Amino acid sequence: MIRFTPGAWLGTIFVFFGGVLPRLVVPCFLYSIYCCILYLVCARTGFSLPADGQKLIAGCTTFLLVFRVNQCYNRLIKAQDLVVNALCSLRSVVFSVCAYTTHAGPKRATWGEAEHEASVLLKVHVVRLAVAVAVSLKFHSRMAEMFNGPSNVEKGKVWHALADLVRIKGLLTAGEAVLIEKACGLYEEEAKLFAACCSKVPSGPSLCVDLGRSRKCSQEAMGRRRLFGQDDVGEDHGGTPVPLVLLQMLRGFLMHPLDKPWGYPERFLNSNEMHLANAARAFEGLSQLILIPMPLPYLQLSKLLLCTFVLTYPLAVDMEHGIWGNVIEPVMLCMALAGFEIVSDCMENPLGDDPSDISVYEMIHEFEVECQAVFDLSVRDHREVLASQASLGEHLGLGEGARFLAQKHSHTEARRCFADFFEWSTLSRATILYINQQSGEVRAVNRRLLKETLQGAEGDDSDIEHFEREDPFTTTRCLALRGPDPHRGACQRQMRMLRSCGGPDNWHKSMREELLRAAAGGDSDTDDDGVGGRMSSRSSPPRESKLSLAAV
């Protein structure tokens, strides 16, 4: 949701991008012309309609529109609660695992290097999968919106979904990424003649989404091919919600440390299972909010009454009221009623791409920062925290009791930190612009859009720092696994390929072929600012790590 100052009257009224004005200007201008024509015709002919019927239509229309606005606002509030519940549940899982495997009591003094590495590696797995689940919520919301819309989806929407999917893959192992590619539900099919002629999308293979459906004929027989990886012969079903697959992977990792010397007792699994169940319920609620819009009969009646009223109202106004009563007043009334309808459309899908929708990217980035802080607290800074707590006991004259609370460490423990396993990578420029327009400060967004419109230039990645200085709410980084693994190199090349197209509206090739070529190493550029790539030269150099990202 775009940021603004609610108490600033002028700053709230006279704002273009992010408000309702962009969608009201053209309809109100056309309606004013319509009212002027009717006023001239009625003034010449003396024709008018009875006002009593217009009052009844106005009452019914206003009631339906106001009721719809309230329902859509309730959907927005419910979606906010569900997103917060999902992220809070994931946060609780990460925090509890970091705490349980760090404060292991007397058993920690007997740990060797293997037990310490297993404890740290478990935290790495839990953090990366929890962040991947959070990102997959936004990815699935895009997929559900496309699946619930036209069969021939726009390539621009798929571009953002692909950017989210590559971001998820940057947090997974090669085997996990293959499973996610199979479950994503993105397919490419040959464009039909009618679709190629009438669609706004450039000619070429069309894109489609298939989720949660079993088909009598295989995807291959339907002329569909996966965007990622090789096709399975005889595959008879579409994709599976990615958040559920990742939650199941996370659930499996939480089973590994049960009753292990470096893990936690079985009873702690109950609380983690409760958090995972809450996250799954929140995901299902968000999915249903997208897949089940307002009922069609209600929308049909509401829009029909609105069109009937605004078209006939100027004919029922007394000609003695002049220009004000016959032109200006109907236009203002039309602006109010059409504003209700536009606000309802903006809030109906709370996880959409409107500036009034929930800023899921911003919440995910905050979750990533919190994971880094908690990970370093439990791994890198744990000894210092315990030492400071013991010194406080000595200072308060409770030295004997402080020794009971102290936790002994093995002298063989190596010092690890979050940067040994993760890195902050730069998002694609199109994604940064999207985040900036959806969740940035409203005045900064309007100034930047006006400047870009006047210059007419796309710009380069050097303006990312300008975004960060101008708007502190801009998100330009995301988490990715560190290391020269071939799988992560393929993710970097795929994101560079997405960036090279210049934006989601400039795609004229087969996405499948380009993604496969990039994954195979066809893009040999050394650009390092895609998802999974290094940060700029100001960041610290890569650190070597002894830990393998194999299963615990």
Protein backbone atom coordinates (compact mmCIF):
# COMPACT_ATOMS: atom_id res chain seq x y z
CA MET A 1 0.00 0.00 0.00
CA ILE A 2 1.41 3.33 -1.04
CA ARG A 3 2.43 5.53 1.91
CA PHE A 4 0.89 8.93 2.57
CA THR A 5 0.13 11.32 5.42
CA PRO A 6 -3.57 10.93 6.37
CA GLY A 7 -3.70 14.30 8.14
CA ALA A 8 -2.42 16.27 5.15
CA TRP A 9 -5.56 17.51 3.37
CA LEU A 10 -3.89 19.05 0.35
CA GLY A 11 -1.36 16.23 0.09
CA THR A 12 -4.18 13.70 0.10
CA ILE A 13 -6.53 15.48 -2.33
CA PHE A 14 -4.08 16.79 -4.92
CA VAL A 15 -2.21 13.57 -5.61
CA PHE A 16 -2.37 11.79 -8.93
CA PHE A 17 -0.65 8.41 -8.83
CA GLY A 18 -1.88 6.17 -6.05
CA GLY A 19 -5.31 7.75 -5.75
CA VAL A 20 -8.62 7.54 -7.56
CA LEU A 21 -8.09 10.53 -9.87
CA PRO A 22 -6.27 8.71 -12.70
CA ARG A 23 -9.29 6.49 -13.29
CA LEU A 24 -11.85 9.28 -12.92
CA VAL A 25 -10.42 11.93 -15.23
CA VAL A 26 -11.30 10.39 -18.59
CA PRO A 27 -14.80 9.06 -17.66
CA CYS A 28 -15.80 12.36 -16.05
CA PHE A 29 -14.51 14.34 -19.03
CA LEU A 30 -16.51 12.23 -21.47
CA TYR A 31 -19.58 12.42 -19.22
CA SER A 32 -19.33 16.21 -19.08
CA ILE A 33 -19.46 16.31 -22.90
CA TYR A 34 -22.48 14.00 -22.79
CA CYS A 35 -24.22 16.27 -20.28
CA CYS A 36 -23.50 19.36 -22.37
CA ILE A 37 -25.03 17.74 -25.46
CA LEU A 38 -28.13 16.67 -23.54
CA TYR A 39 -28.49 20.14 -22.03
CA LEU A 40 -28.43 21.76 -25.45
CA VAL A 41 -30.87 19.21 -26.90
CA CYS A 42 -33.29 19.46 -23.97
CA ALA A 43 -33.09 23.26 -23.99
CA ARG A 44 -34.08 23.29 -27.66
CA THR A 45 -36.76 20.55 -27.51
CA GLY A 46 -38.05 20.98 -23.94
CA PHE A 47 -37.78 17.22 -23.28
CA SER A 48 -37.44 16.00 -19.66
CA LEU A 49 -38.06 12.88 -17.55
CA PRO A 50 -40.02 12.69 -14.27
CA ALA A 51 -37.75 13.09 -11.25
CA ASP A 52 -39.53 10.56 -8.98
CA GLY A 53 -38.22 7.52 -10.83
CA GLN A 54 -34.69 8.91 -10.81
CA LYS A 55 -34.80 9.22 -7.02
CA LEU A 56 -35.68 5.53 -6.65
CA ILE A 57 -32.92 4.47 -9.03
CA ALA A 58 -30.45 6.73 -7.24
CA GLY A 59 -31.33 5.18 -3.86
CA CYS A 60 -30.93 1.59 -5.13
CA THR A 61 -27.66 2.39 -6.91
CA THR A 62 -26.15 4.14 -3.91
CA PHE A 63 -27.14 1.29 -1.59
CA LEU A 64 -25.53 -1.36 -3.81
CA LEU A 65 -22.35 0.67 -4.34
CA VAL A 66 -21.85 1.51 -0.67
CA PHE A 67 -22.51 -2.09 0.34
CA ARG A 68 -19.94 -3.29 -2.20
CA VAL A 69 -17.33 -0.81 -0.94
CA ASN A 70 -17.84 -2.09 2.60
CA GLN A 71 -17.51 -5.71 1.51
CA CYS A 72 -14.33 -5.03 -0.48
CA TYR A 73 -12.84 -3.12 2.44
CA ASN A 74 -13.60 -6.09 4.69
CA ARG A 75 -11.77 -8.30 2.20
CA LEU A 76 -8.76 -5.98 2.43
CA ILE A 77 -8.75 -6.09 6.24
CA LYS A 78 -9.13 -9.88 6.23
CA ALA A 79 -6.25 -10.24 3.77
CA GLN A 80 -4.04 -8.05 5.96
CA ASP A 81 -4.79 -10.26 8.97
CA LEU A 82 -4.07 -13.44 6.99
CA VAL A 83 -0.74 -12.17 5.64
CA VAL A 84 0.31 -11.04 9.12
CA ASN A 85 -0.72 -14.41 10.59
CA ALA A 86 1.25 -16.31 7.93
CA LEU A 87 4.42 -14.26 8.44
CA CYS A 88 4.08 -14.35 12.24
CA SER A 89 3.79 -18.14 12.12
CA LEU A 90 6.90 -18.44 9.95
CA ARG A 91 8.72 -15.98 12.21
CA SER A 92 7.82 -18.06 15.27
CA VAL A 93 9.19 -21.22 13.62
CA VAL A 94 12.51 -19.54 12.79
CA PHE A 95 12.84 -17.93 16.21
CA SER A 96 11.98 -21.10 18.12
CA VAL A 97 14.41 -23.28 16.14
CA CYS A 98 17.21 -20.74 16.62
CA ALA A 99 16.49 -20.63 20.36
CA TYR A 100 15.96 -24.36 20.98
CA THR A 101 19.13 -25.44 19.18
CA THR A 102 21.23 -22.68 20.74
CA HIS A 103 20.23 -22.95 24.40
CA ALA A 104 20.77 -26.69 24.59
CA GLY A 105 21.68 -26.68 28.26
CA PRO A 106 24.46 -28.92 29.66
CA LYS A 107 24.44 -31.02 26.47
CA ARG A 108 26.13 -28.20 24.58
CA ALA A 109 29.36 -28.65 26.50
CA THR A 110 29.68 -32.16 25.03
CA TRP A 111 29.17 -31.04 21.43
CA GLY A 112 31.85 -31.73 18.90
CA GLU A 113 32.40 -30.01 15.60
CA ALA A 114 29.87 -32.27 13.88
CA GLU A 115 27.07 -31.46 16.35
CA HIS A 116 27.78 -27.75 16.13
CA GLU A 117 27.73 -27.83 12.33
CA ALA A 118 24.48 -29.81 12.36
CA SER A 119 22.89 -27.18 14.63
CA VAL A 120 24.01 -24.31 12.41
CA LEU A 121 23.01 -26.13 9.22
CA LEU A 122 19.53 -26.79 10.57
CA LYS A 123 19.09 -23.05 11.14
CA VAL A 124 20.26 -22.35 7.58
CA HIS A 125 17.68 -24.77 6.18
CA VAL A 126 14.85 -23.39 8.33
CA VAL A 127 15.66 -19.76 7.48
CA ARG A 128 15.92 -20.30 3.73
CA LEU A 129 12.73 -22.39 3.53
CA ALA A 130 10.77 -19.98 5.74
CA VAL A 131 11.78 -17.04 3.54
CA ALA A 132 10.96 -19.09 0.42
CA VAL A 133 7.47 -19.79 1.81
CA ALA A 134 6.98 -16.06 2.44
CA VAL A 135 7.98 -15.19 -1.14
CA SER A 136 5.77 -17.98 -2.49
CA LEU A 137 2.70 -16.31 -0.97
CA LYS A 138 3.12 -13.42 -3.41
CA PHE A 139 3.98 -15.80 -6.24
CA HIS A 140 0.85 -17.88 -5.65
CA SER A 141 -1.34 -14.78 -5.44
CA ARG A 142 -0.18 -13.84 -8.95
CA MET A 143 -0.74 -17.40 -10.19
CA ALA A 144 -4.24 -17.56 -8.69
CA GLU A 145 -5.16 -14.22 -10.23
CA MET A 146 -3.97 -15.36 -13.67
CA PHE A 147 -5.66 -18.74 -13.30
CA ASN A 148 -8.94 -17.03 -12.41
CA GLY A 149 -8.69 -14.61 -15.34
CA PRO A 150 -8.51 -14.98 -19.14
CA SER A 151 -7.03 -18.17 -20.56
CA ASN A 152 -4.38 -16.25 -22.51
CA VAL A 153 -2.57 -14.42 -19.72
CA GLU A 154 -0.52 -11.30 -20.27
CA LYS A 155 3.22 -11.79 -20.49
CA GLY A 156 3.75 -8.81 -18.19
CA LYS A 157 2.05 -10.60 -15.30
CA VAL A 158 3.94 -13.79 -16.04
CA TRP A 159 7.20 -11.81 -16.05
CA HIS A 160 6.69 -10.74 -12.43
CA ALA A 161 5.64 -14.28 -11.48
CA LEU A 162 8.82 -15.62 -13.10
CA ALA A 163 10.92 -13.10 -11.16
CA ASP A 164 9.31 -14.34 -7.92
CA LEU A 165 9.90 -17.96 -8.90
CA VAL A 166 13.57 -17.37 -9.71
CA ARG A 167 13.90 -15.57 -6.38
CA ILE A 168 12.46 -18.65 -4.65
CA LYS A 169 14.82 -20.94 -6.54
CA GLY A 170 17.76 -18.89 -5.31
CA LEU A 171 16.94 -20.11 -1.79
CA LEU A 172 16.57 -23.79 -2.70
CA THR A 173 18.85 -26.66 -3.56
CA ALA A 174 18.94 -28.06 -7.08
CA GLY A 175 16.65 -30.98 -6.25
CA GLU A 176 14.15 -28.77 -4.44
CA ALA A 177 14.14 -26.30 -7.33
CA VAL A 178 13.22 -29.07 -9.78
CA LEU A 179 10.18 -29.97 -7.66
CA ILE A 180 9.10 -26.34 -7.47
CA GLU A 181 9.45 -25.94 -11.23
CA LYS A 182 7.15 -28.93 -11.72
CA ALA A 183 4.61 -27.58 -9.23
CA CYS A 184 4.54 -23.94 -10.37
CA GLY A 185 1.79 -24.49 -12.99
CA LEU A 186 3.25 -22.23 -15.72
CA TYR A 187 2.97 -23.55 -19.28
CA GLU A 188 3.66 -22.35 -22.76
CA GLU A 189 1.46 -23.30 -25.69
CA GLU A 190 1.25 -22.43 -29.34
CA ALA A 191 -0.92 -19.36 -29.87
CA LYS A 192 -4.25 -19.96 -31.55
CA LEU A 193 -5.10 -17.98 -34.68
CA PHE A 194 -7.90 -16.03 -33.03
CA ALA A 195 -5.83 -15.25 -29.94
CA ALA A 196 -2.83 -14.22 -32.01
CA CYS A 197 -4.98 -11.81 -34.03
CA CYS A 198 -7.02 -10.27 -31.22
CA SER A 199 -4.73 -10.34 -28.19
CA LYS A 200 -2.65 -7.37 -27.15
CA VAL A 201 0.24 -9.73 -26.47
CA PRO A 202 2.74 -9.95 -29.35
CA SER A 203 2.41 -13.00 -31.58
CA GLY A 204 4.27 -16.14 -30.62
CA PRO A 205 3.76 -18.88 -28.03
CA SER A 206 1.12 -17.93 -25.50
CA LEU A 207 1.33 -18.51 -21.76
CA CYS A 208 -1.21 -20.22 -19.55
CA VAL A 209 -1.64 -21.19 -15.92
CA ASP A 210 -3.06 -24.50 -14.70
CA LEU A 211 -3.44 -25.11 -10.96
CA GLY A 212 -5.06 -27.90 -9.00
CA ARG A 213 -6.82 -29.61 -11.91
CA SER A 214 -6.59 -33.18 -13.14
CA ARG A 215 -6.99 -33.53 -16.91
CA LYS A 216 -8.23 -36.50 -18.91
CA CYS A 217 -5.66 -35.76 -21.59
CA SER A 218 -2.06 -34.99 -20.80
CA GLN A 219 -0.54 -31.53 -20.91
CA GLU A 220 1.49 -32.62 -23.92
CA ALA A 221 -1.68 -33.63 -25.77
CA MET A 222 -3.15 -30.19 -25.00
CA GLY A 223 -0.15 -28.56 -26.69
CA ARG A 224 1.36 -27.30 -23.45
CA ARG A 225 4.97 -27.40 -22.36
CA ARG A 226 6.44 -26.41 -19.03
CA LEU A 227 8.23 -23.11 -18.83
CA PHE A 228 10.94 -24.75 -16.70
CA GLY A 229 12.64 -28.09 -17.16
CA GLN A 230 11.66 -31.10 -19.19
CA ASP A 231 8.10 -32.29 -19.67
CA ASP A 232 6.86 -35.48 -18.02
CA VAL A 233 5.36 -37.88 -20.53
CA GLY A 234 1.68 -38.41 -19.78
CA GLU A 235 1.42 -35.70 -17.12
CA ASP A 236 -2.33 -35.44 -16.48
CA HIS A 237 -2.57 -32.63 -13.94
CA GLY A 238 -1.65 -29.01 -13.58
CA GLY A 239 0.45 -27.30 -10.97
CA THR A 240 0.28 -27.50 -7.20
CA PRO A 241 0.33 -24.47 -4.88
CA VAL A 242 4.00 -23.76 -4.26
CA PRO A 243 3.53 -22.56 -0.62
CA LEU A 244 2.13 -25.95 0.38
CA VAL A 245 5.06 -27.80 -1.20
CA LEU A 246 7.56 -25.55 0.58
CA LEU A 247 5.72 -25.87 3.89
CA GLN A 248 5.97 -29.64 3.59
CA MET A 249 9.71 -29.37 2.96
CA LEU A 250 10.04 -27.15 6.04
CA ARG A 251 8.00 -29.61 8.09
CA GLY A 252 10.37 -32.39 7.06
CA PHE A 253 13.44 -30.45 8.21
CA LEU A 254 11.84 -29.76 11.57
CA MET A 255 11.66 -33.54 12.13
CA HIS A 256 15.44 -34.05 11.86
CA PRO A 257 16.60 -32.64 15.24
CA LEU A 258 14.03 -34.51 17.36
CA ASP A 259 15.74 -36.04 20.42
CA LYS A 260 19.19 -35.44 18.93
CA PRO A 261 22.02 -34.17 21.17
CA TRP A 262 22.20 -31.03 19.03
CA GLY A 263 18.42 -30.74 18.57
CA TYR A 264 15.36 -30.39 20.77
CA PRO A 265 12.85 -32.74 22.48
CA GLU A 266 9.86 -34.09 20.58
CA ARG A 267 7.37 -32.02 22.58
CA PHE A 268 8.72 -28.84 20.92
CA LEU A 269 7.47 -30.14 17.59
CA ASN A 270 3.88 -29.53 18.71
CA SER A 271 4.33 -25.77 18.83
CA ASN A 272 6.09 -25.69 15.47
CA GLU A 273 3.36 -27.83 13.92
CA MET A 274 0.78 -25.39 15.25
CA HIS A 275 2.61 -22.50 13.56
CA LEU A 276 2.85 -24.41 10.27
CA ALA A 277 -0.87 -25.21 10.41
CA ASN A 278 -1.64 -21.52 11.00
CA ALA A 279 0.49 -20.58 7.99
CA ALA A 280 -1.32 -23.15 5.84
CA ARG A 281 -4.73 -21.85 6.94
CA ALA A 282 -3.69 -18.28 6.20
CA PHE A 283 -2.51 -19.34 2.74
CA GLU A 284 -5.81 -21.07 2.02
CA GLY A 285 -7.75 -17.99 3.12
CA LEU A 286 -5.67 -15.73 0.87
CA SER A 287 -6.11 -18.10 -2.04
CA GLN A 288 -9.89 -18.13 -1.64
CA LEU A 289 -10.04 -14.33 -1.46
CA ILE A 290 -8.42 -14.21 -4.90
CA LEU A 291 -10.25 -17.13 -6.50
CA ILE A 292 -13.73 -16.18 -5.21
CA PRO A 293 -14.59 -12.57 -6.17
CA MET A 294 -17.89 -10.81 -5.56
CA PRO A 295 -20.86 -12.73 -7.06
CA LEU A 296 -21.50 -11.97 -10.71
CA PRO A 297 -25.28 -11.25 -10.31
CA TYR A 298 -24.50 -8.60 -7.69
CA LEU A 299 -21.84 -6.97 -9.87
CA GLN A 300 -24.10 -7.09 -12.90
CA LEU A 301 -27.02 -5.42 -11.12
CA SER A 302 -24.77 -2.80 -9.53
CA LYS A 303 -23.10 -1.79 -12.79
CA LEU A 304 -26.40 -1.88 -14.70
CA LEU A 305 -28.10 0.47 -12.24
CA LEU A 306 -25.06 2.77 -12.23
CA CYS A 307 -25.03 3.06 -16.02
CA THR A 308 -28.79 3.57 -16.14
CA PHE A 309 -28.73 6.32 -13.55
CA VAL A 310 -25.81 8.35 -14.92
CA LEU A 311 -27.20 8.17 -18.48
CA THR A 312 -30.75 9.24 -17.60
CA TYR A 313 -30.21 11.64 -14.70
CA PRO A 314 -29.36 14.70 -16.88
CA LEU A 315 -32.72 14.23 -18.62
CA ALA A 316 -34.62 14.64 -15.33
CA VAL A 317 -33.06 17.96 -14.21
CA ASP A 318 -35.11 21.15 -14.44
CA MET A 319 -33.83 23.36 -17.24
CA GLU A 320 -34.27 26.45 -15.05
CA HIS A 321 -31.27 25.33 -12.96
CA GLY A 322 -28.94 26.29 -15.78
CA ILE A 323 -25.43 25.02 -16.40
CA TRP A 324 -24.79 24.20 -12.77
CA GLY A 325 -27.81 21.95 -12.29
CA ASN A 326 -27.73 20.35 -15.74
CA VAL A 327 -23.98 19.85 -16.35
CA ILE A 328 -21.74 20.46 -13.35
CA GLU A 329 -23.91 18.79 -10.72
CA PRO A 330 -24.52 15.59 -12.76
CA VAL A 331 -20.76 15.34 -13.43
CA MET A 332 -19.99 15.65 -9.72
CA LEU A 333 -22.63 13.02 -8.92
CA CYS A 334 -21.20 10.72 -11.57
CA MET A 335 -17.72 11.23 -10.13
CA ALA A 336 -18.94 10.19 -6.68
CA LEU A 337 -20.78 7.06 -7.81
CA ALA A 338 -18.05 6.02 -10.25
CA GLY A 339 -15.53 6.61 -7.48
CA PHE A 340 -17.34 4.06 -5.31
CA GLU A 341 -17.12 1.54 -8.14
CA ILE A 342 -13.44 2.22 -8.81
CA VAL A 343 -12.49 2.00 -5.12
CA SER A 344 -14.32 -1.32 -4.89
CA ASP A 345 -12.44 -2.68 -7.89
CA CYS A 346 -9.12 -1.63 -6.34
CA MET A 347 -9.83 -3.33 -3.01
CA GLU A 348 -11.54 -6.49 -4.28
CA ASN A 349 -8.22 -8.32 -4.77
CA PRO A 350 -6.11 -7.20 -1.77
CA LEU A 351 -3.00 -8.97 -3.11
CA GLY A 352 -3.13 -7.40 -6.56
CA ASP A 353 -0.92 -4.78 -8.16
CA ASP A 354 -2.84 -1.60 -7.28
CA PRO A 355 -1.21 1.03 -5.04
CA SER A 356 -3.97 0.39 -2.49
CA ASP A 357 -3.16 -3.34 -2.20
CA ILE A 358 -1.07 -4.96 0.50
CA SER A 359 2.69 -4.45 0.14
CA VAL A 360 3.68 -8.10 0.50
CA TYR A 361 7.21 -7.49 -0.83
CA GLU A 362 7.88 -4.98 1.92
CA MET A 363 6.68 -7.38 4.62
CA ILE A 364 8.81 -10.18 3.14
CA HIS A 365 11.90 -7.96 3.19
CA GLU A 366 11.29 -7.07 6.84
CA PHE A 367 11.01 -10.79 7.60
CA GLU A 368 14.36 -11.40 5.86
CA VAL A 369 16.05 -8.71 7.95
CA GLU A 370 14.57 -10.19 11.14
CA CYS A 371 15.85 -13.66 10.19
CA GLN A 372 19.36 -12.27 9.77
CA ALA A 373 19.28 -10.59 13.18
CA VAL A 374 18.00 -13.69 14.99
CA PHE A 375 20.40 -16.02 13.16
CA ASP A 376 23.42 -13.91 14.13
CA LEU A 377 22.13 -13.62 17.68
CA SER A 378 21.91 -17.41 18.05
CA VAL A 379 25.16 -18.27 16.24
CA ARG A 380 27.65 -15.40 16.09
CA ASP A 381 26.75 -13.32 19.17
CA HIS A 382 25.62 -16.10 21.50
CA ARG A 383 28.81 -16.23 23.60
CA GLU A 384 28.98 -12.47 24.06
CA VAL A 385 25.34 -12.30 25.18
CA LEU A 386 25.84 -15.06 27.77
CA ALA A 387 29.04 -13.42 29.02
CA SER A 388 27.29 -10.08 29.46
CA GLN A 389 24.44 -11.76 31.33
CA ALA A 390 26.92 -13.49 33.63
CA SER A 391 28.73 -10.20 34.31
CA LEU A 392 25.40 -8.62 35.24
CA GLY A 393 24.90 -11.36 37.83
CA GLU A 394 28.34 -10.67 39.26
CA HIS A 395 27.58 -6.95 39.37
CA LEU A 396 24.33 -7.55 41.24
CA GLY A 397 26.02 -9.84 43.76
CA LEU A 398 24.43 -12.98 42.35
CA GLY A 399 27.57 -14.63 41.05
CA GLU A 400 26.73 -18.09 42.35
CA GLY A 401 23.34 -18.00 40.71
CA ALA A 402 24.85 -16.65 37.48
CA ARG A 403 27.05 -19.74 37.28
CA PHE A 404 23.93 -21.91 37.32
CA LEU A 405 22.52 -19.96 34.40
CA ALA A 406 25.76 -19.97 32.44
CA GLN A 407 26.07 -22.29 29.46
CA LYS A 408 29.36 -23.95 28.67
CA HIS A 409 30.64 -24.07 25.12
CA SER A 410 32.94 -26.46 23.39
CA HIS A 411 36.30 -24.93 22.58
CA THR A 412 36.14 -26.46 19.11
CA GLU A 413 33.13 -24.42 18.02
CA ALA A 414 33.87 -22.30 14.96
CA ARG A 415 32.41 -18.80 14.77
CA ARG A 416 29.74 -18.56 12.08
CA CYS A 417 27.54 -15.72 10.92
CA PHE A 418 24.61 -15.12 8.59
CA ALA A 419 26.83 -13.78 5.80
CA ASP A 420 28.67 -17.11 5.60
CA PHE A 421 25.59 -18.74 4.08
CA PHE A 422 23.39 -15.95 2.66
CA GLU A 423 23.92 -12.81 0.64
CA TRP A 424 21.85 -9.74 -0.16
CA SER A 425 21.19 -9.67 -3.89
CA THR A 426 19.81 -6.87 -6.03
CA LEU A 427 16.30 -7.29 -7.36
CA SER A 428 15.57 -6.72 -11.03
CA ARG A 429 14.91 -3.10 -11.95
CA ALA A 430 11.34 -3.80 -13.05
CA THR A 431 10.63 -5.40 -9.66
CA ILE A 432 12.19 -2.44 -7.84
CA LEU A 433 10.01 -0.04 -9.84
CA TYR A 434 6.96 -2.15 -9.04
CA ILE A 435 7.74 -2.14 -5.30
CA ASN A 436 8.48 1.57 -5.37
CA GLN A 437 5.17 2.38 -7.04
CA GLN A 438 3.14 0.11 -4.76
CA SER A 439 4.66 0.79 -1.34
CA GLY A 440 6.78 3.93 -1.71
CA GLU A 441 6.06 7.37 -0.28
CA VAL A 442 3.38 8.97 -2.44
CA ARG A 443 5.15 12.28 -3.07
CA ALA A 444 8.42 10.57 -4.00
CA VAL A 445 6.60 8.21 -6.37
CA ASN A 446 4.77 11.07 -8.12
CA ARG A 447 7.97 13.12 -8.49
CA ARG A 448 9.87 10.18 -9.96
CA LEU A 449 7.08 9.22 -12.38
CA LEU A 450 6.80 12.83 -13.58
CA LYS A 451 10.56 13.04 -14.10
CA GLU A 452 10.68 9.77 -16.04
CA THR A 453 7.74 10.83 -18.18
CA LEU A 454 9.46 14.10 -19.09
CA GLN A 455 12.78 12.45 -19.84
CA GLY A 456 11.29 9.45 -21.62
CA ALA A 457 14.28 7.30 -20.69
CA GLU A 458 14.34 3.92 -19.04
CA GLY A 459 17.55 4.68 -17.13
CA ASP A 460 20.07 2.23 -15.77
CA ASP A 461 20.69 0.49 -12.46
CA SER A 462 22.57 3.49 -11.04
CA ASP A 463 19.21 5.05 -10.13
CA ILE A 464 18.62 2.34 -7.50
CA GLU A 465 20.71 4.31 -5.02
CA HIS A 466 18.67 7.37 -5.92
CA PHE A 467 15.49 5.46 -5.04
CA GLU A 468 16.94 4.49 -1.67
CA ARG A 469 17.98 8.08 -0.85
CA GLU A 470 14.71 9.61 -2.02
CA ASP A 471 12.35 7.07 -0.49
CA PRO A 472 13.41 5.16 2.66
CA PHE A 473 10.63 2.60 2.12
CA THR A 474 12.03 1.35 -1.19
CA THR A 475 13.11 -2.30 -1.19
CA THR A 476 15.97 -3.15 -3.55
CA ARG A 477 17.50 -6.31 -2.03
CA CYS A 478 16.49 -9.90 -1.37
CA LEU A 479 18.09 -12.93 0.26
CA ALA A 480 19.80 -15.69 -1.71
CA LEU A 481 22.06 -18.58 -0.81
CA ARG A 482 25.76 -17.88 -1.05
CA GLY A 483 28.20 -20.06 -2.95
CA PRO A 484 29.31 -21.04 -6.47
CA ASP A 485 26.77 -23.83 -6.76
CA PRO A 486 25.79 -24.54 -10.43
CA HIS A 487 22.12 -24.32 -9.53
CA ARG A 488 22.50 -20.82 -8.12
CA GLY A 489 24.54 -19.84 -11.16
CA ALA A 490 21.63 -20.95 -13.35
CA CYS A 491 19.25 -18.80 -11.26
CA GLN A 492 21.55 -15.80 -11.73
CA ARG A 493 21.63 -16.29 -15.50
CA GLN A 494 17.85 -16.67 -15.70
CA MET A 495 17.34 -13.42 -13.81
CA ARG A 496 19.87 -11.63 -15.99
CA MET A 497 17.96 -12.91 -18.99
CA LEU A 498 14.72 -11.49 -17.56
CA ARG A 499 16.46 -8.17 -16.95
CA SER A 500 17.89 -8.05 -20.46
CA CYS A 501 14.41 -7.91 -22.02
CA GLY A 502 14.08 -4.37 -20.68
CA GLY A 503 10.83 -4.95 -18.79
CA PRO A 504 7.73 -7.15 -18.83
CA ASP A 505 6.18 -5.45 -21.87
CA ASN A 506 9.06 -6.04 -24.30
CA TRP A 507 8.98 -9.80 -24.65
CA HIS A 508 8.62 -11.19 -28.16
CA LYS A 509 10.32 -14.59 -27.84
CA SER A 510 9.55 -17.99 -26.39
CA MET A 511 10.01 -17.77 -22.65
CA ARG A 512 10.60 -21.48 -22.33
CA GLU A 513 13.46 -21.54 -24.82
CA GLU A 514 15.11 -18.47 -23.32
CA LEU A 515 14.85 -19.81 -19.76
CA LEU A 516 16.27 -23.19 -20.76
CA ARG A 517 19.12 -21.52 -22.67
CA ALA A 518 19.94 -19.31 -19.69
CA ALA A 519 19.86 -22.25 -17.24
CA ALA A 520 22.19 -24.23 -19.51
CA GLY A 521 24.70 -21.39 -19.56
CA GLY A 522 23.74 -19.75 -22.85
CA ASP A 523 23.92 -16.33 -21.19
CA SER A 524 27.60 -15.96 -20.41
CA ASP A 525 27.51 -12.35 -19.29
CA THR A 526 29.15 -11.52 -16.02
CA ASP A 527 26.51 -9.07 -14.87
CA ASP A 528 26.15 -9.49 -11.10
CA ASP A 529 23.02 -7.55 -10.24
CA GLY A 530 20.32 -10.17 -10.70
CA VAL A 531 18.67 -12.29 -8.06
CA GLY A 532 21.32 -14.59 -6.68
CA GLY A 533 24.11 -12.28 -7.91
CA ARG A 534 26.58 -10.41 -5.79
CA MET A 535 25.98 -6.97 -4.44
CA SER A 536 28.00 -4.01 -5.66
CA SER A 537 31.69 -3.60 -4.97
CA ARG A 538 30.89 -1.91 -1.65
CA SER A 539 29.71 -5.19 -0.16
CA SER A 540 32.01 -7.62 1.61
CA PRO A 541 33.73 -10.33 -0.43
CA PRO A 542 32.31 -13.86 -0.42
CA ARG A 543 33.21 -15.94 2.59
CA GLU A 544 34.18 -19.57 2.46
CA SER A 545 32.08 -21.95 4.49
CA LYS A 546 32.82 -25.50 5.56
CA LEU A 547 29.17 -26.42 5.82
CA SER A 548 27.53 -28.28 2.98
CA LEU A 549 23.90 -27.55 2.12
CA ALA A 550 23.07 -31.23 2.08
CA ALA A 551 20.33 -32.60 4.28
CA VAL A 552 21.07 -32.75 8.01
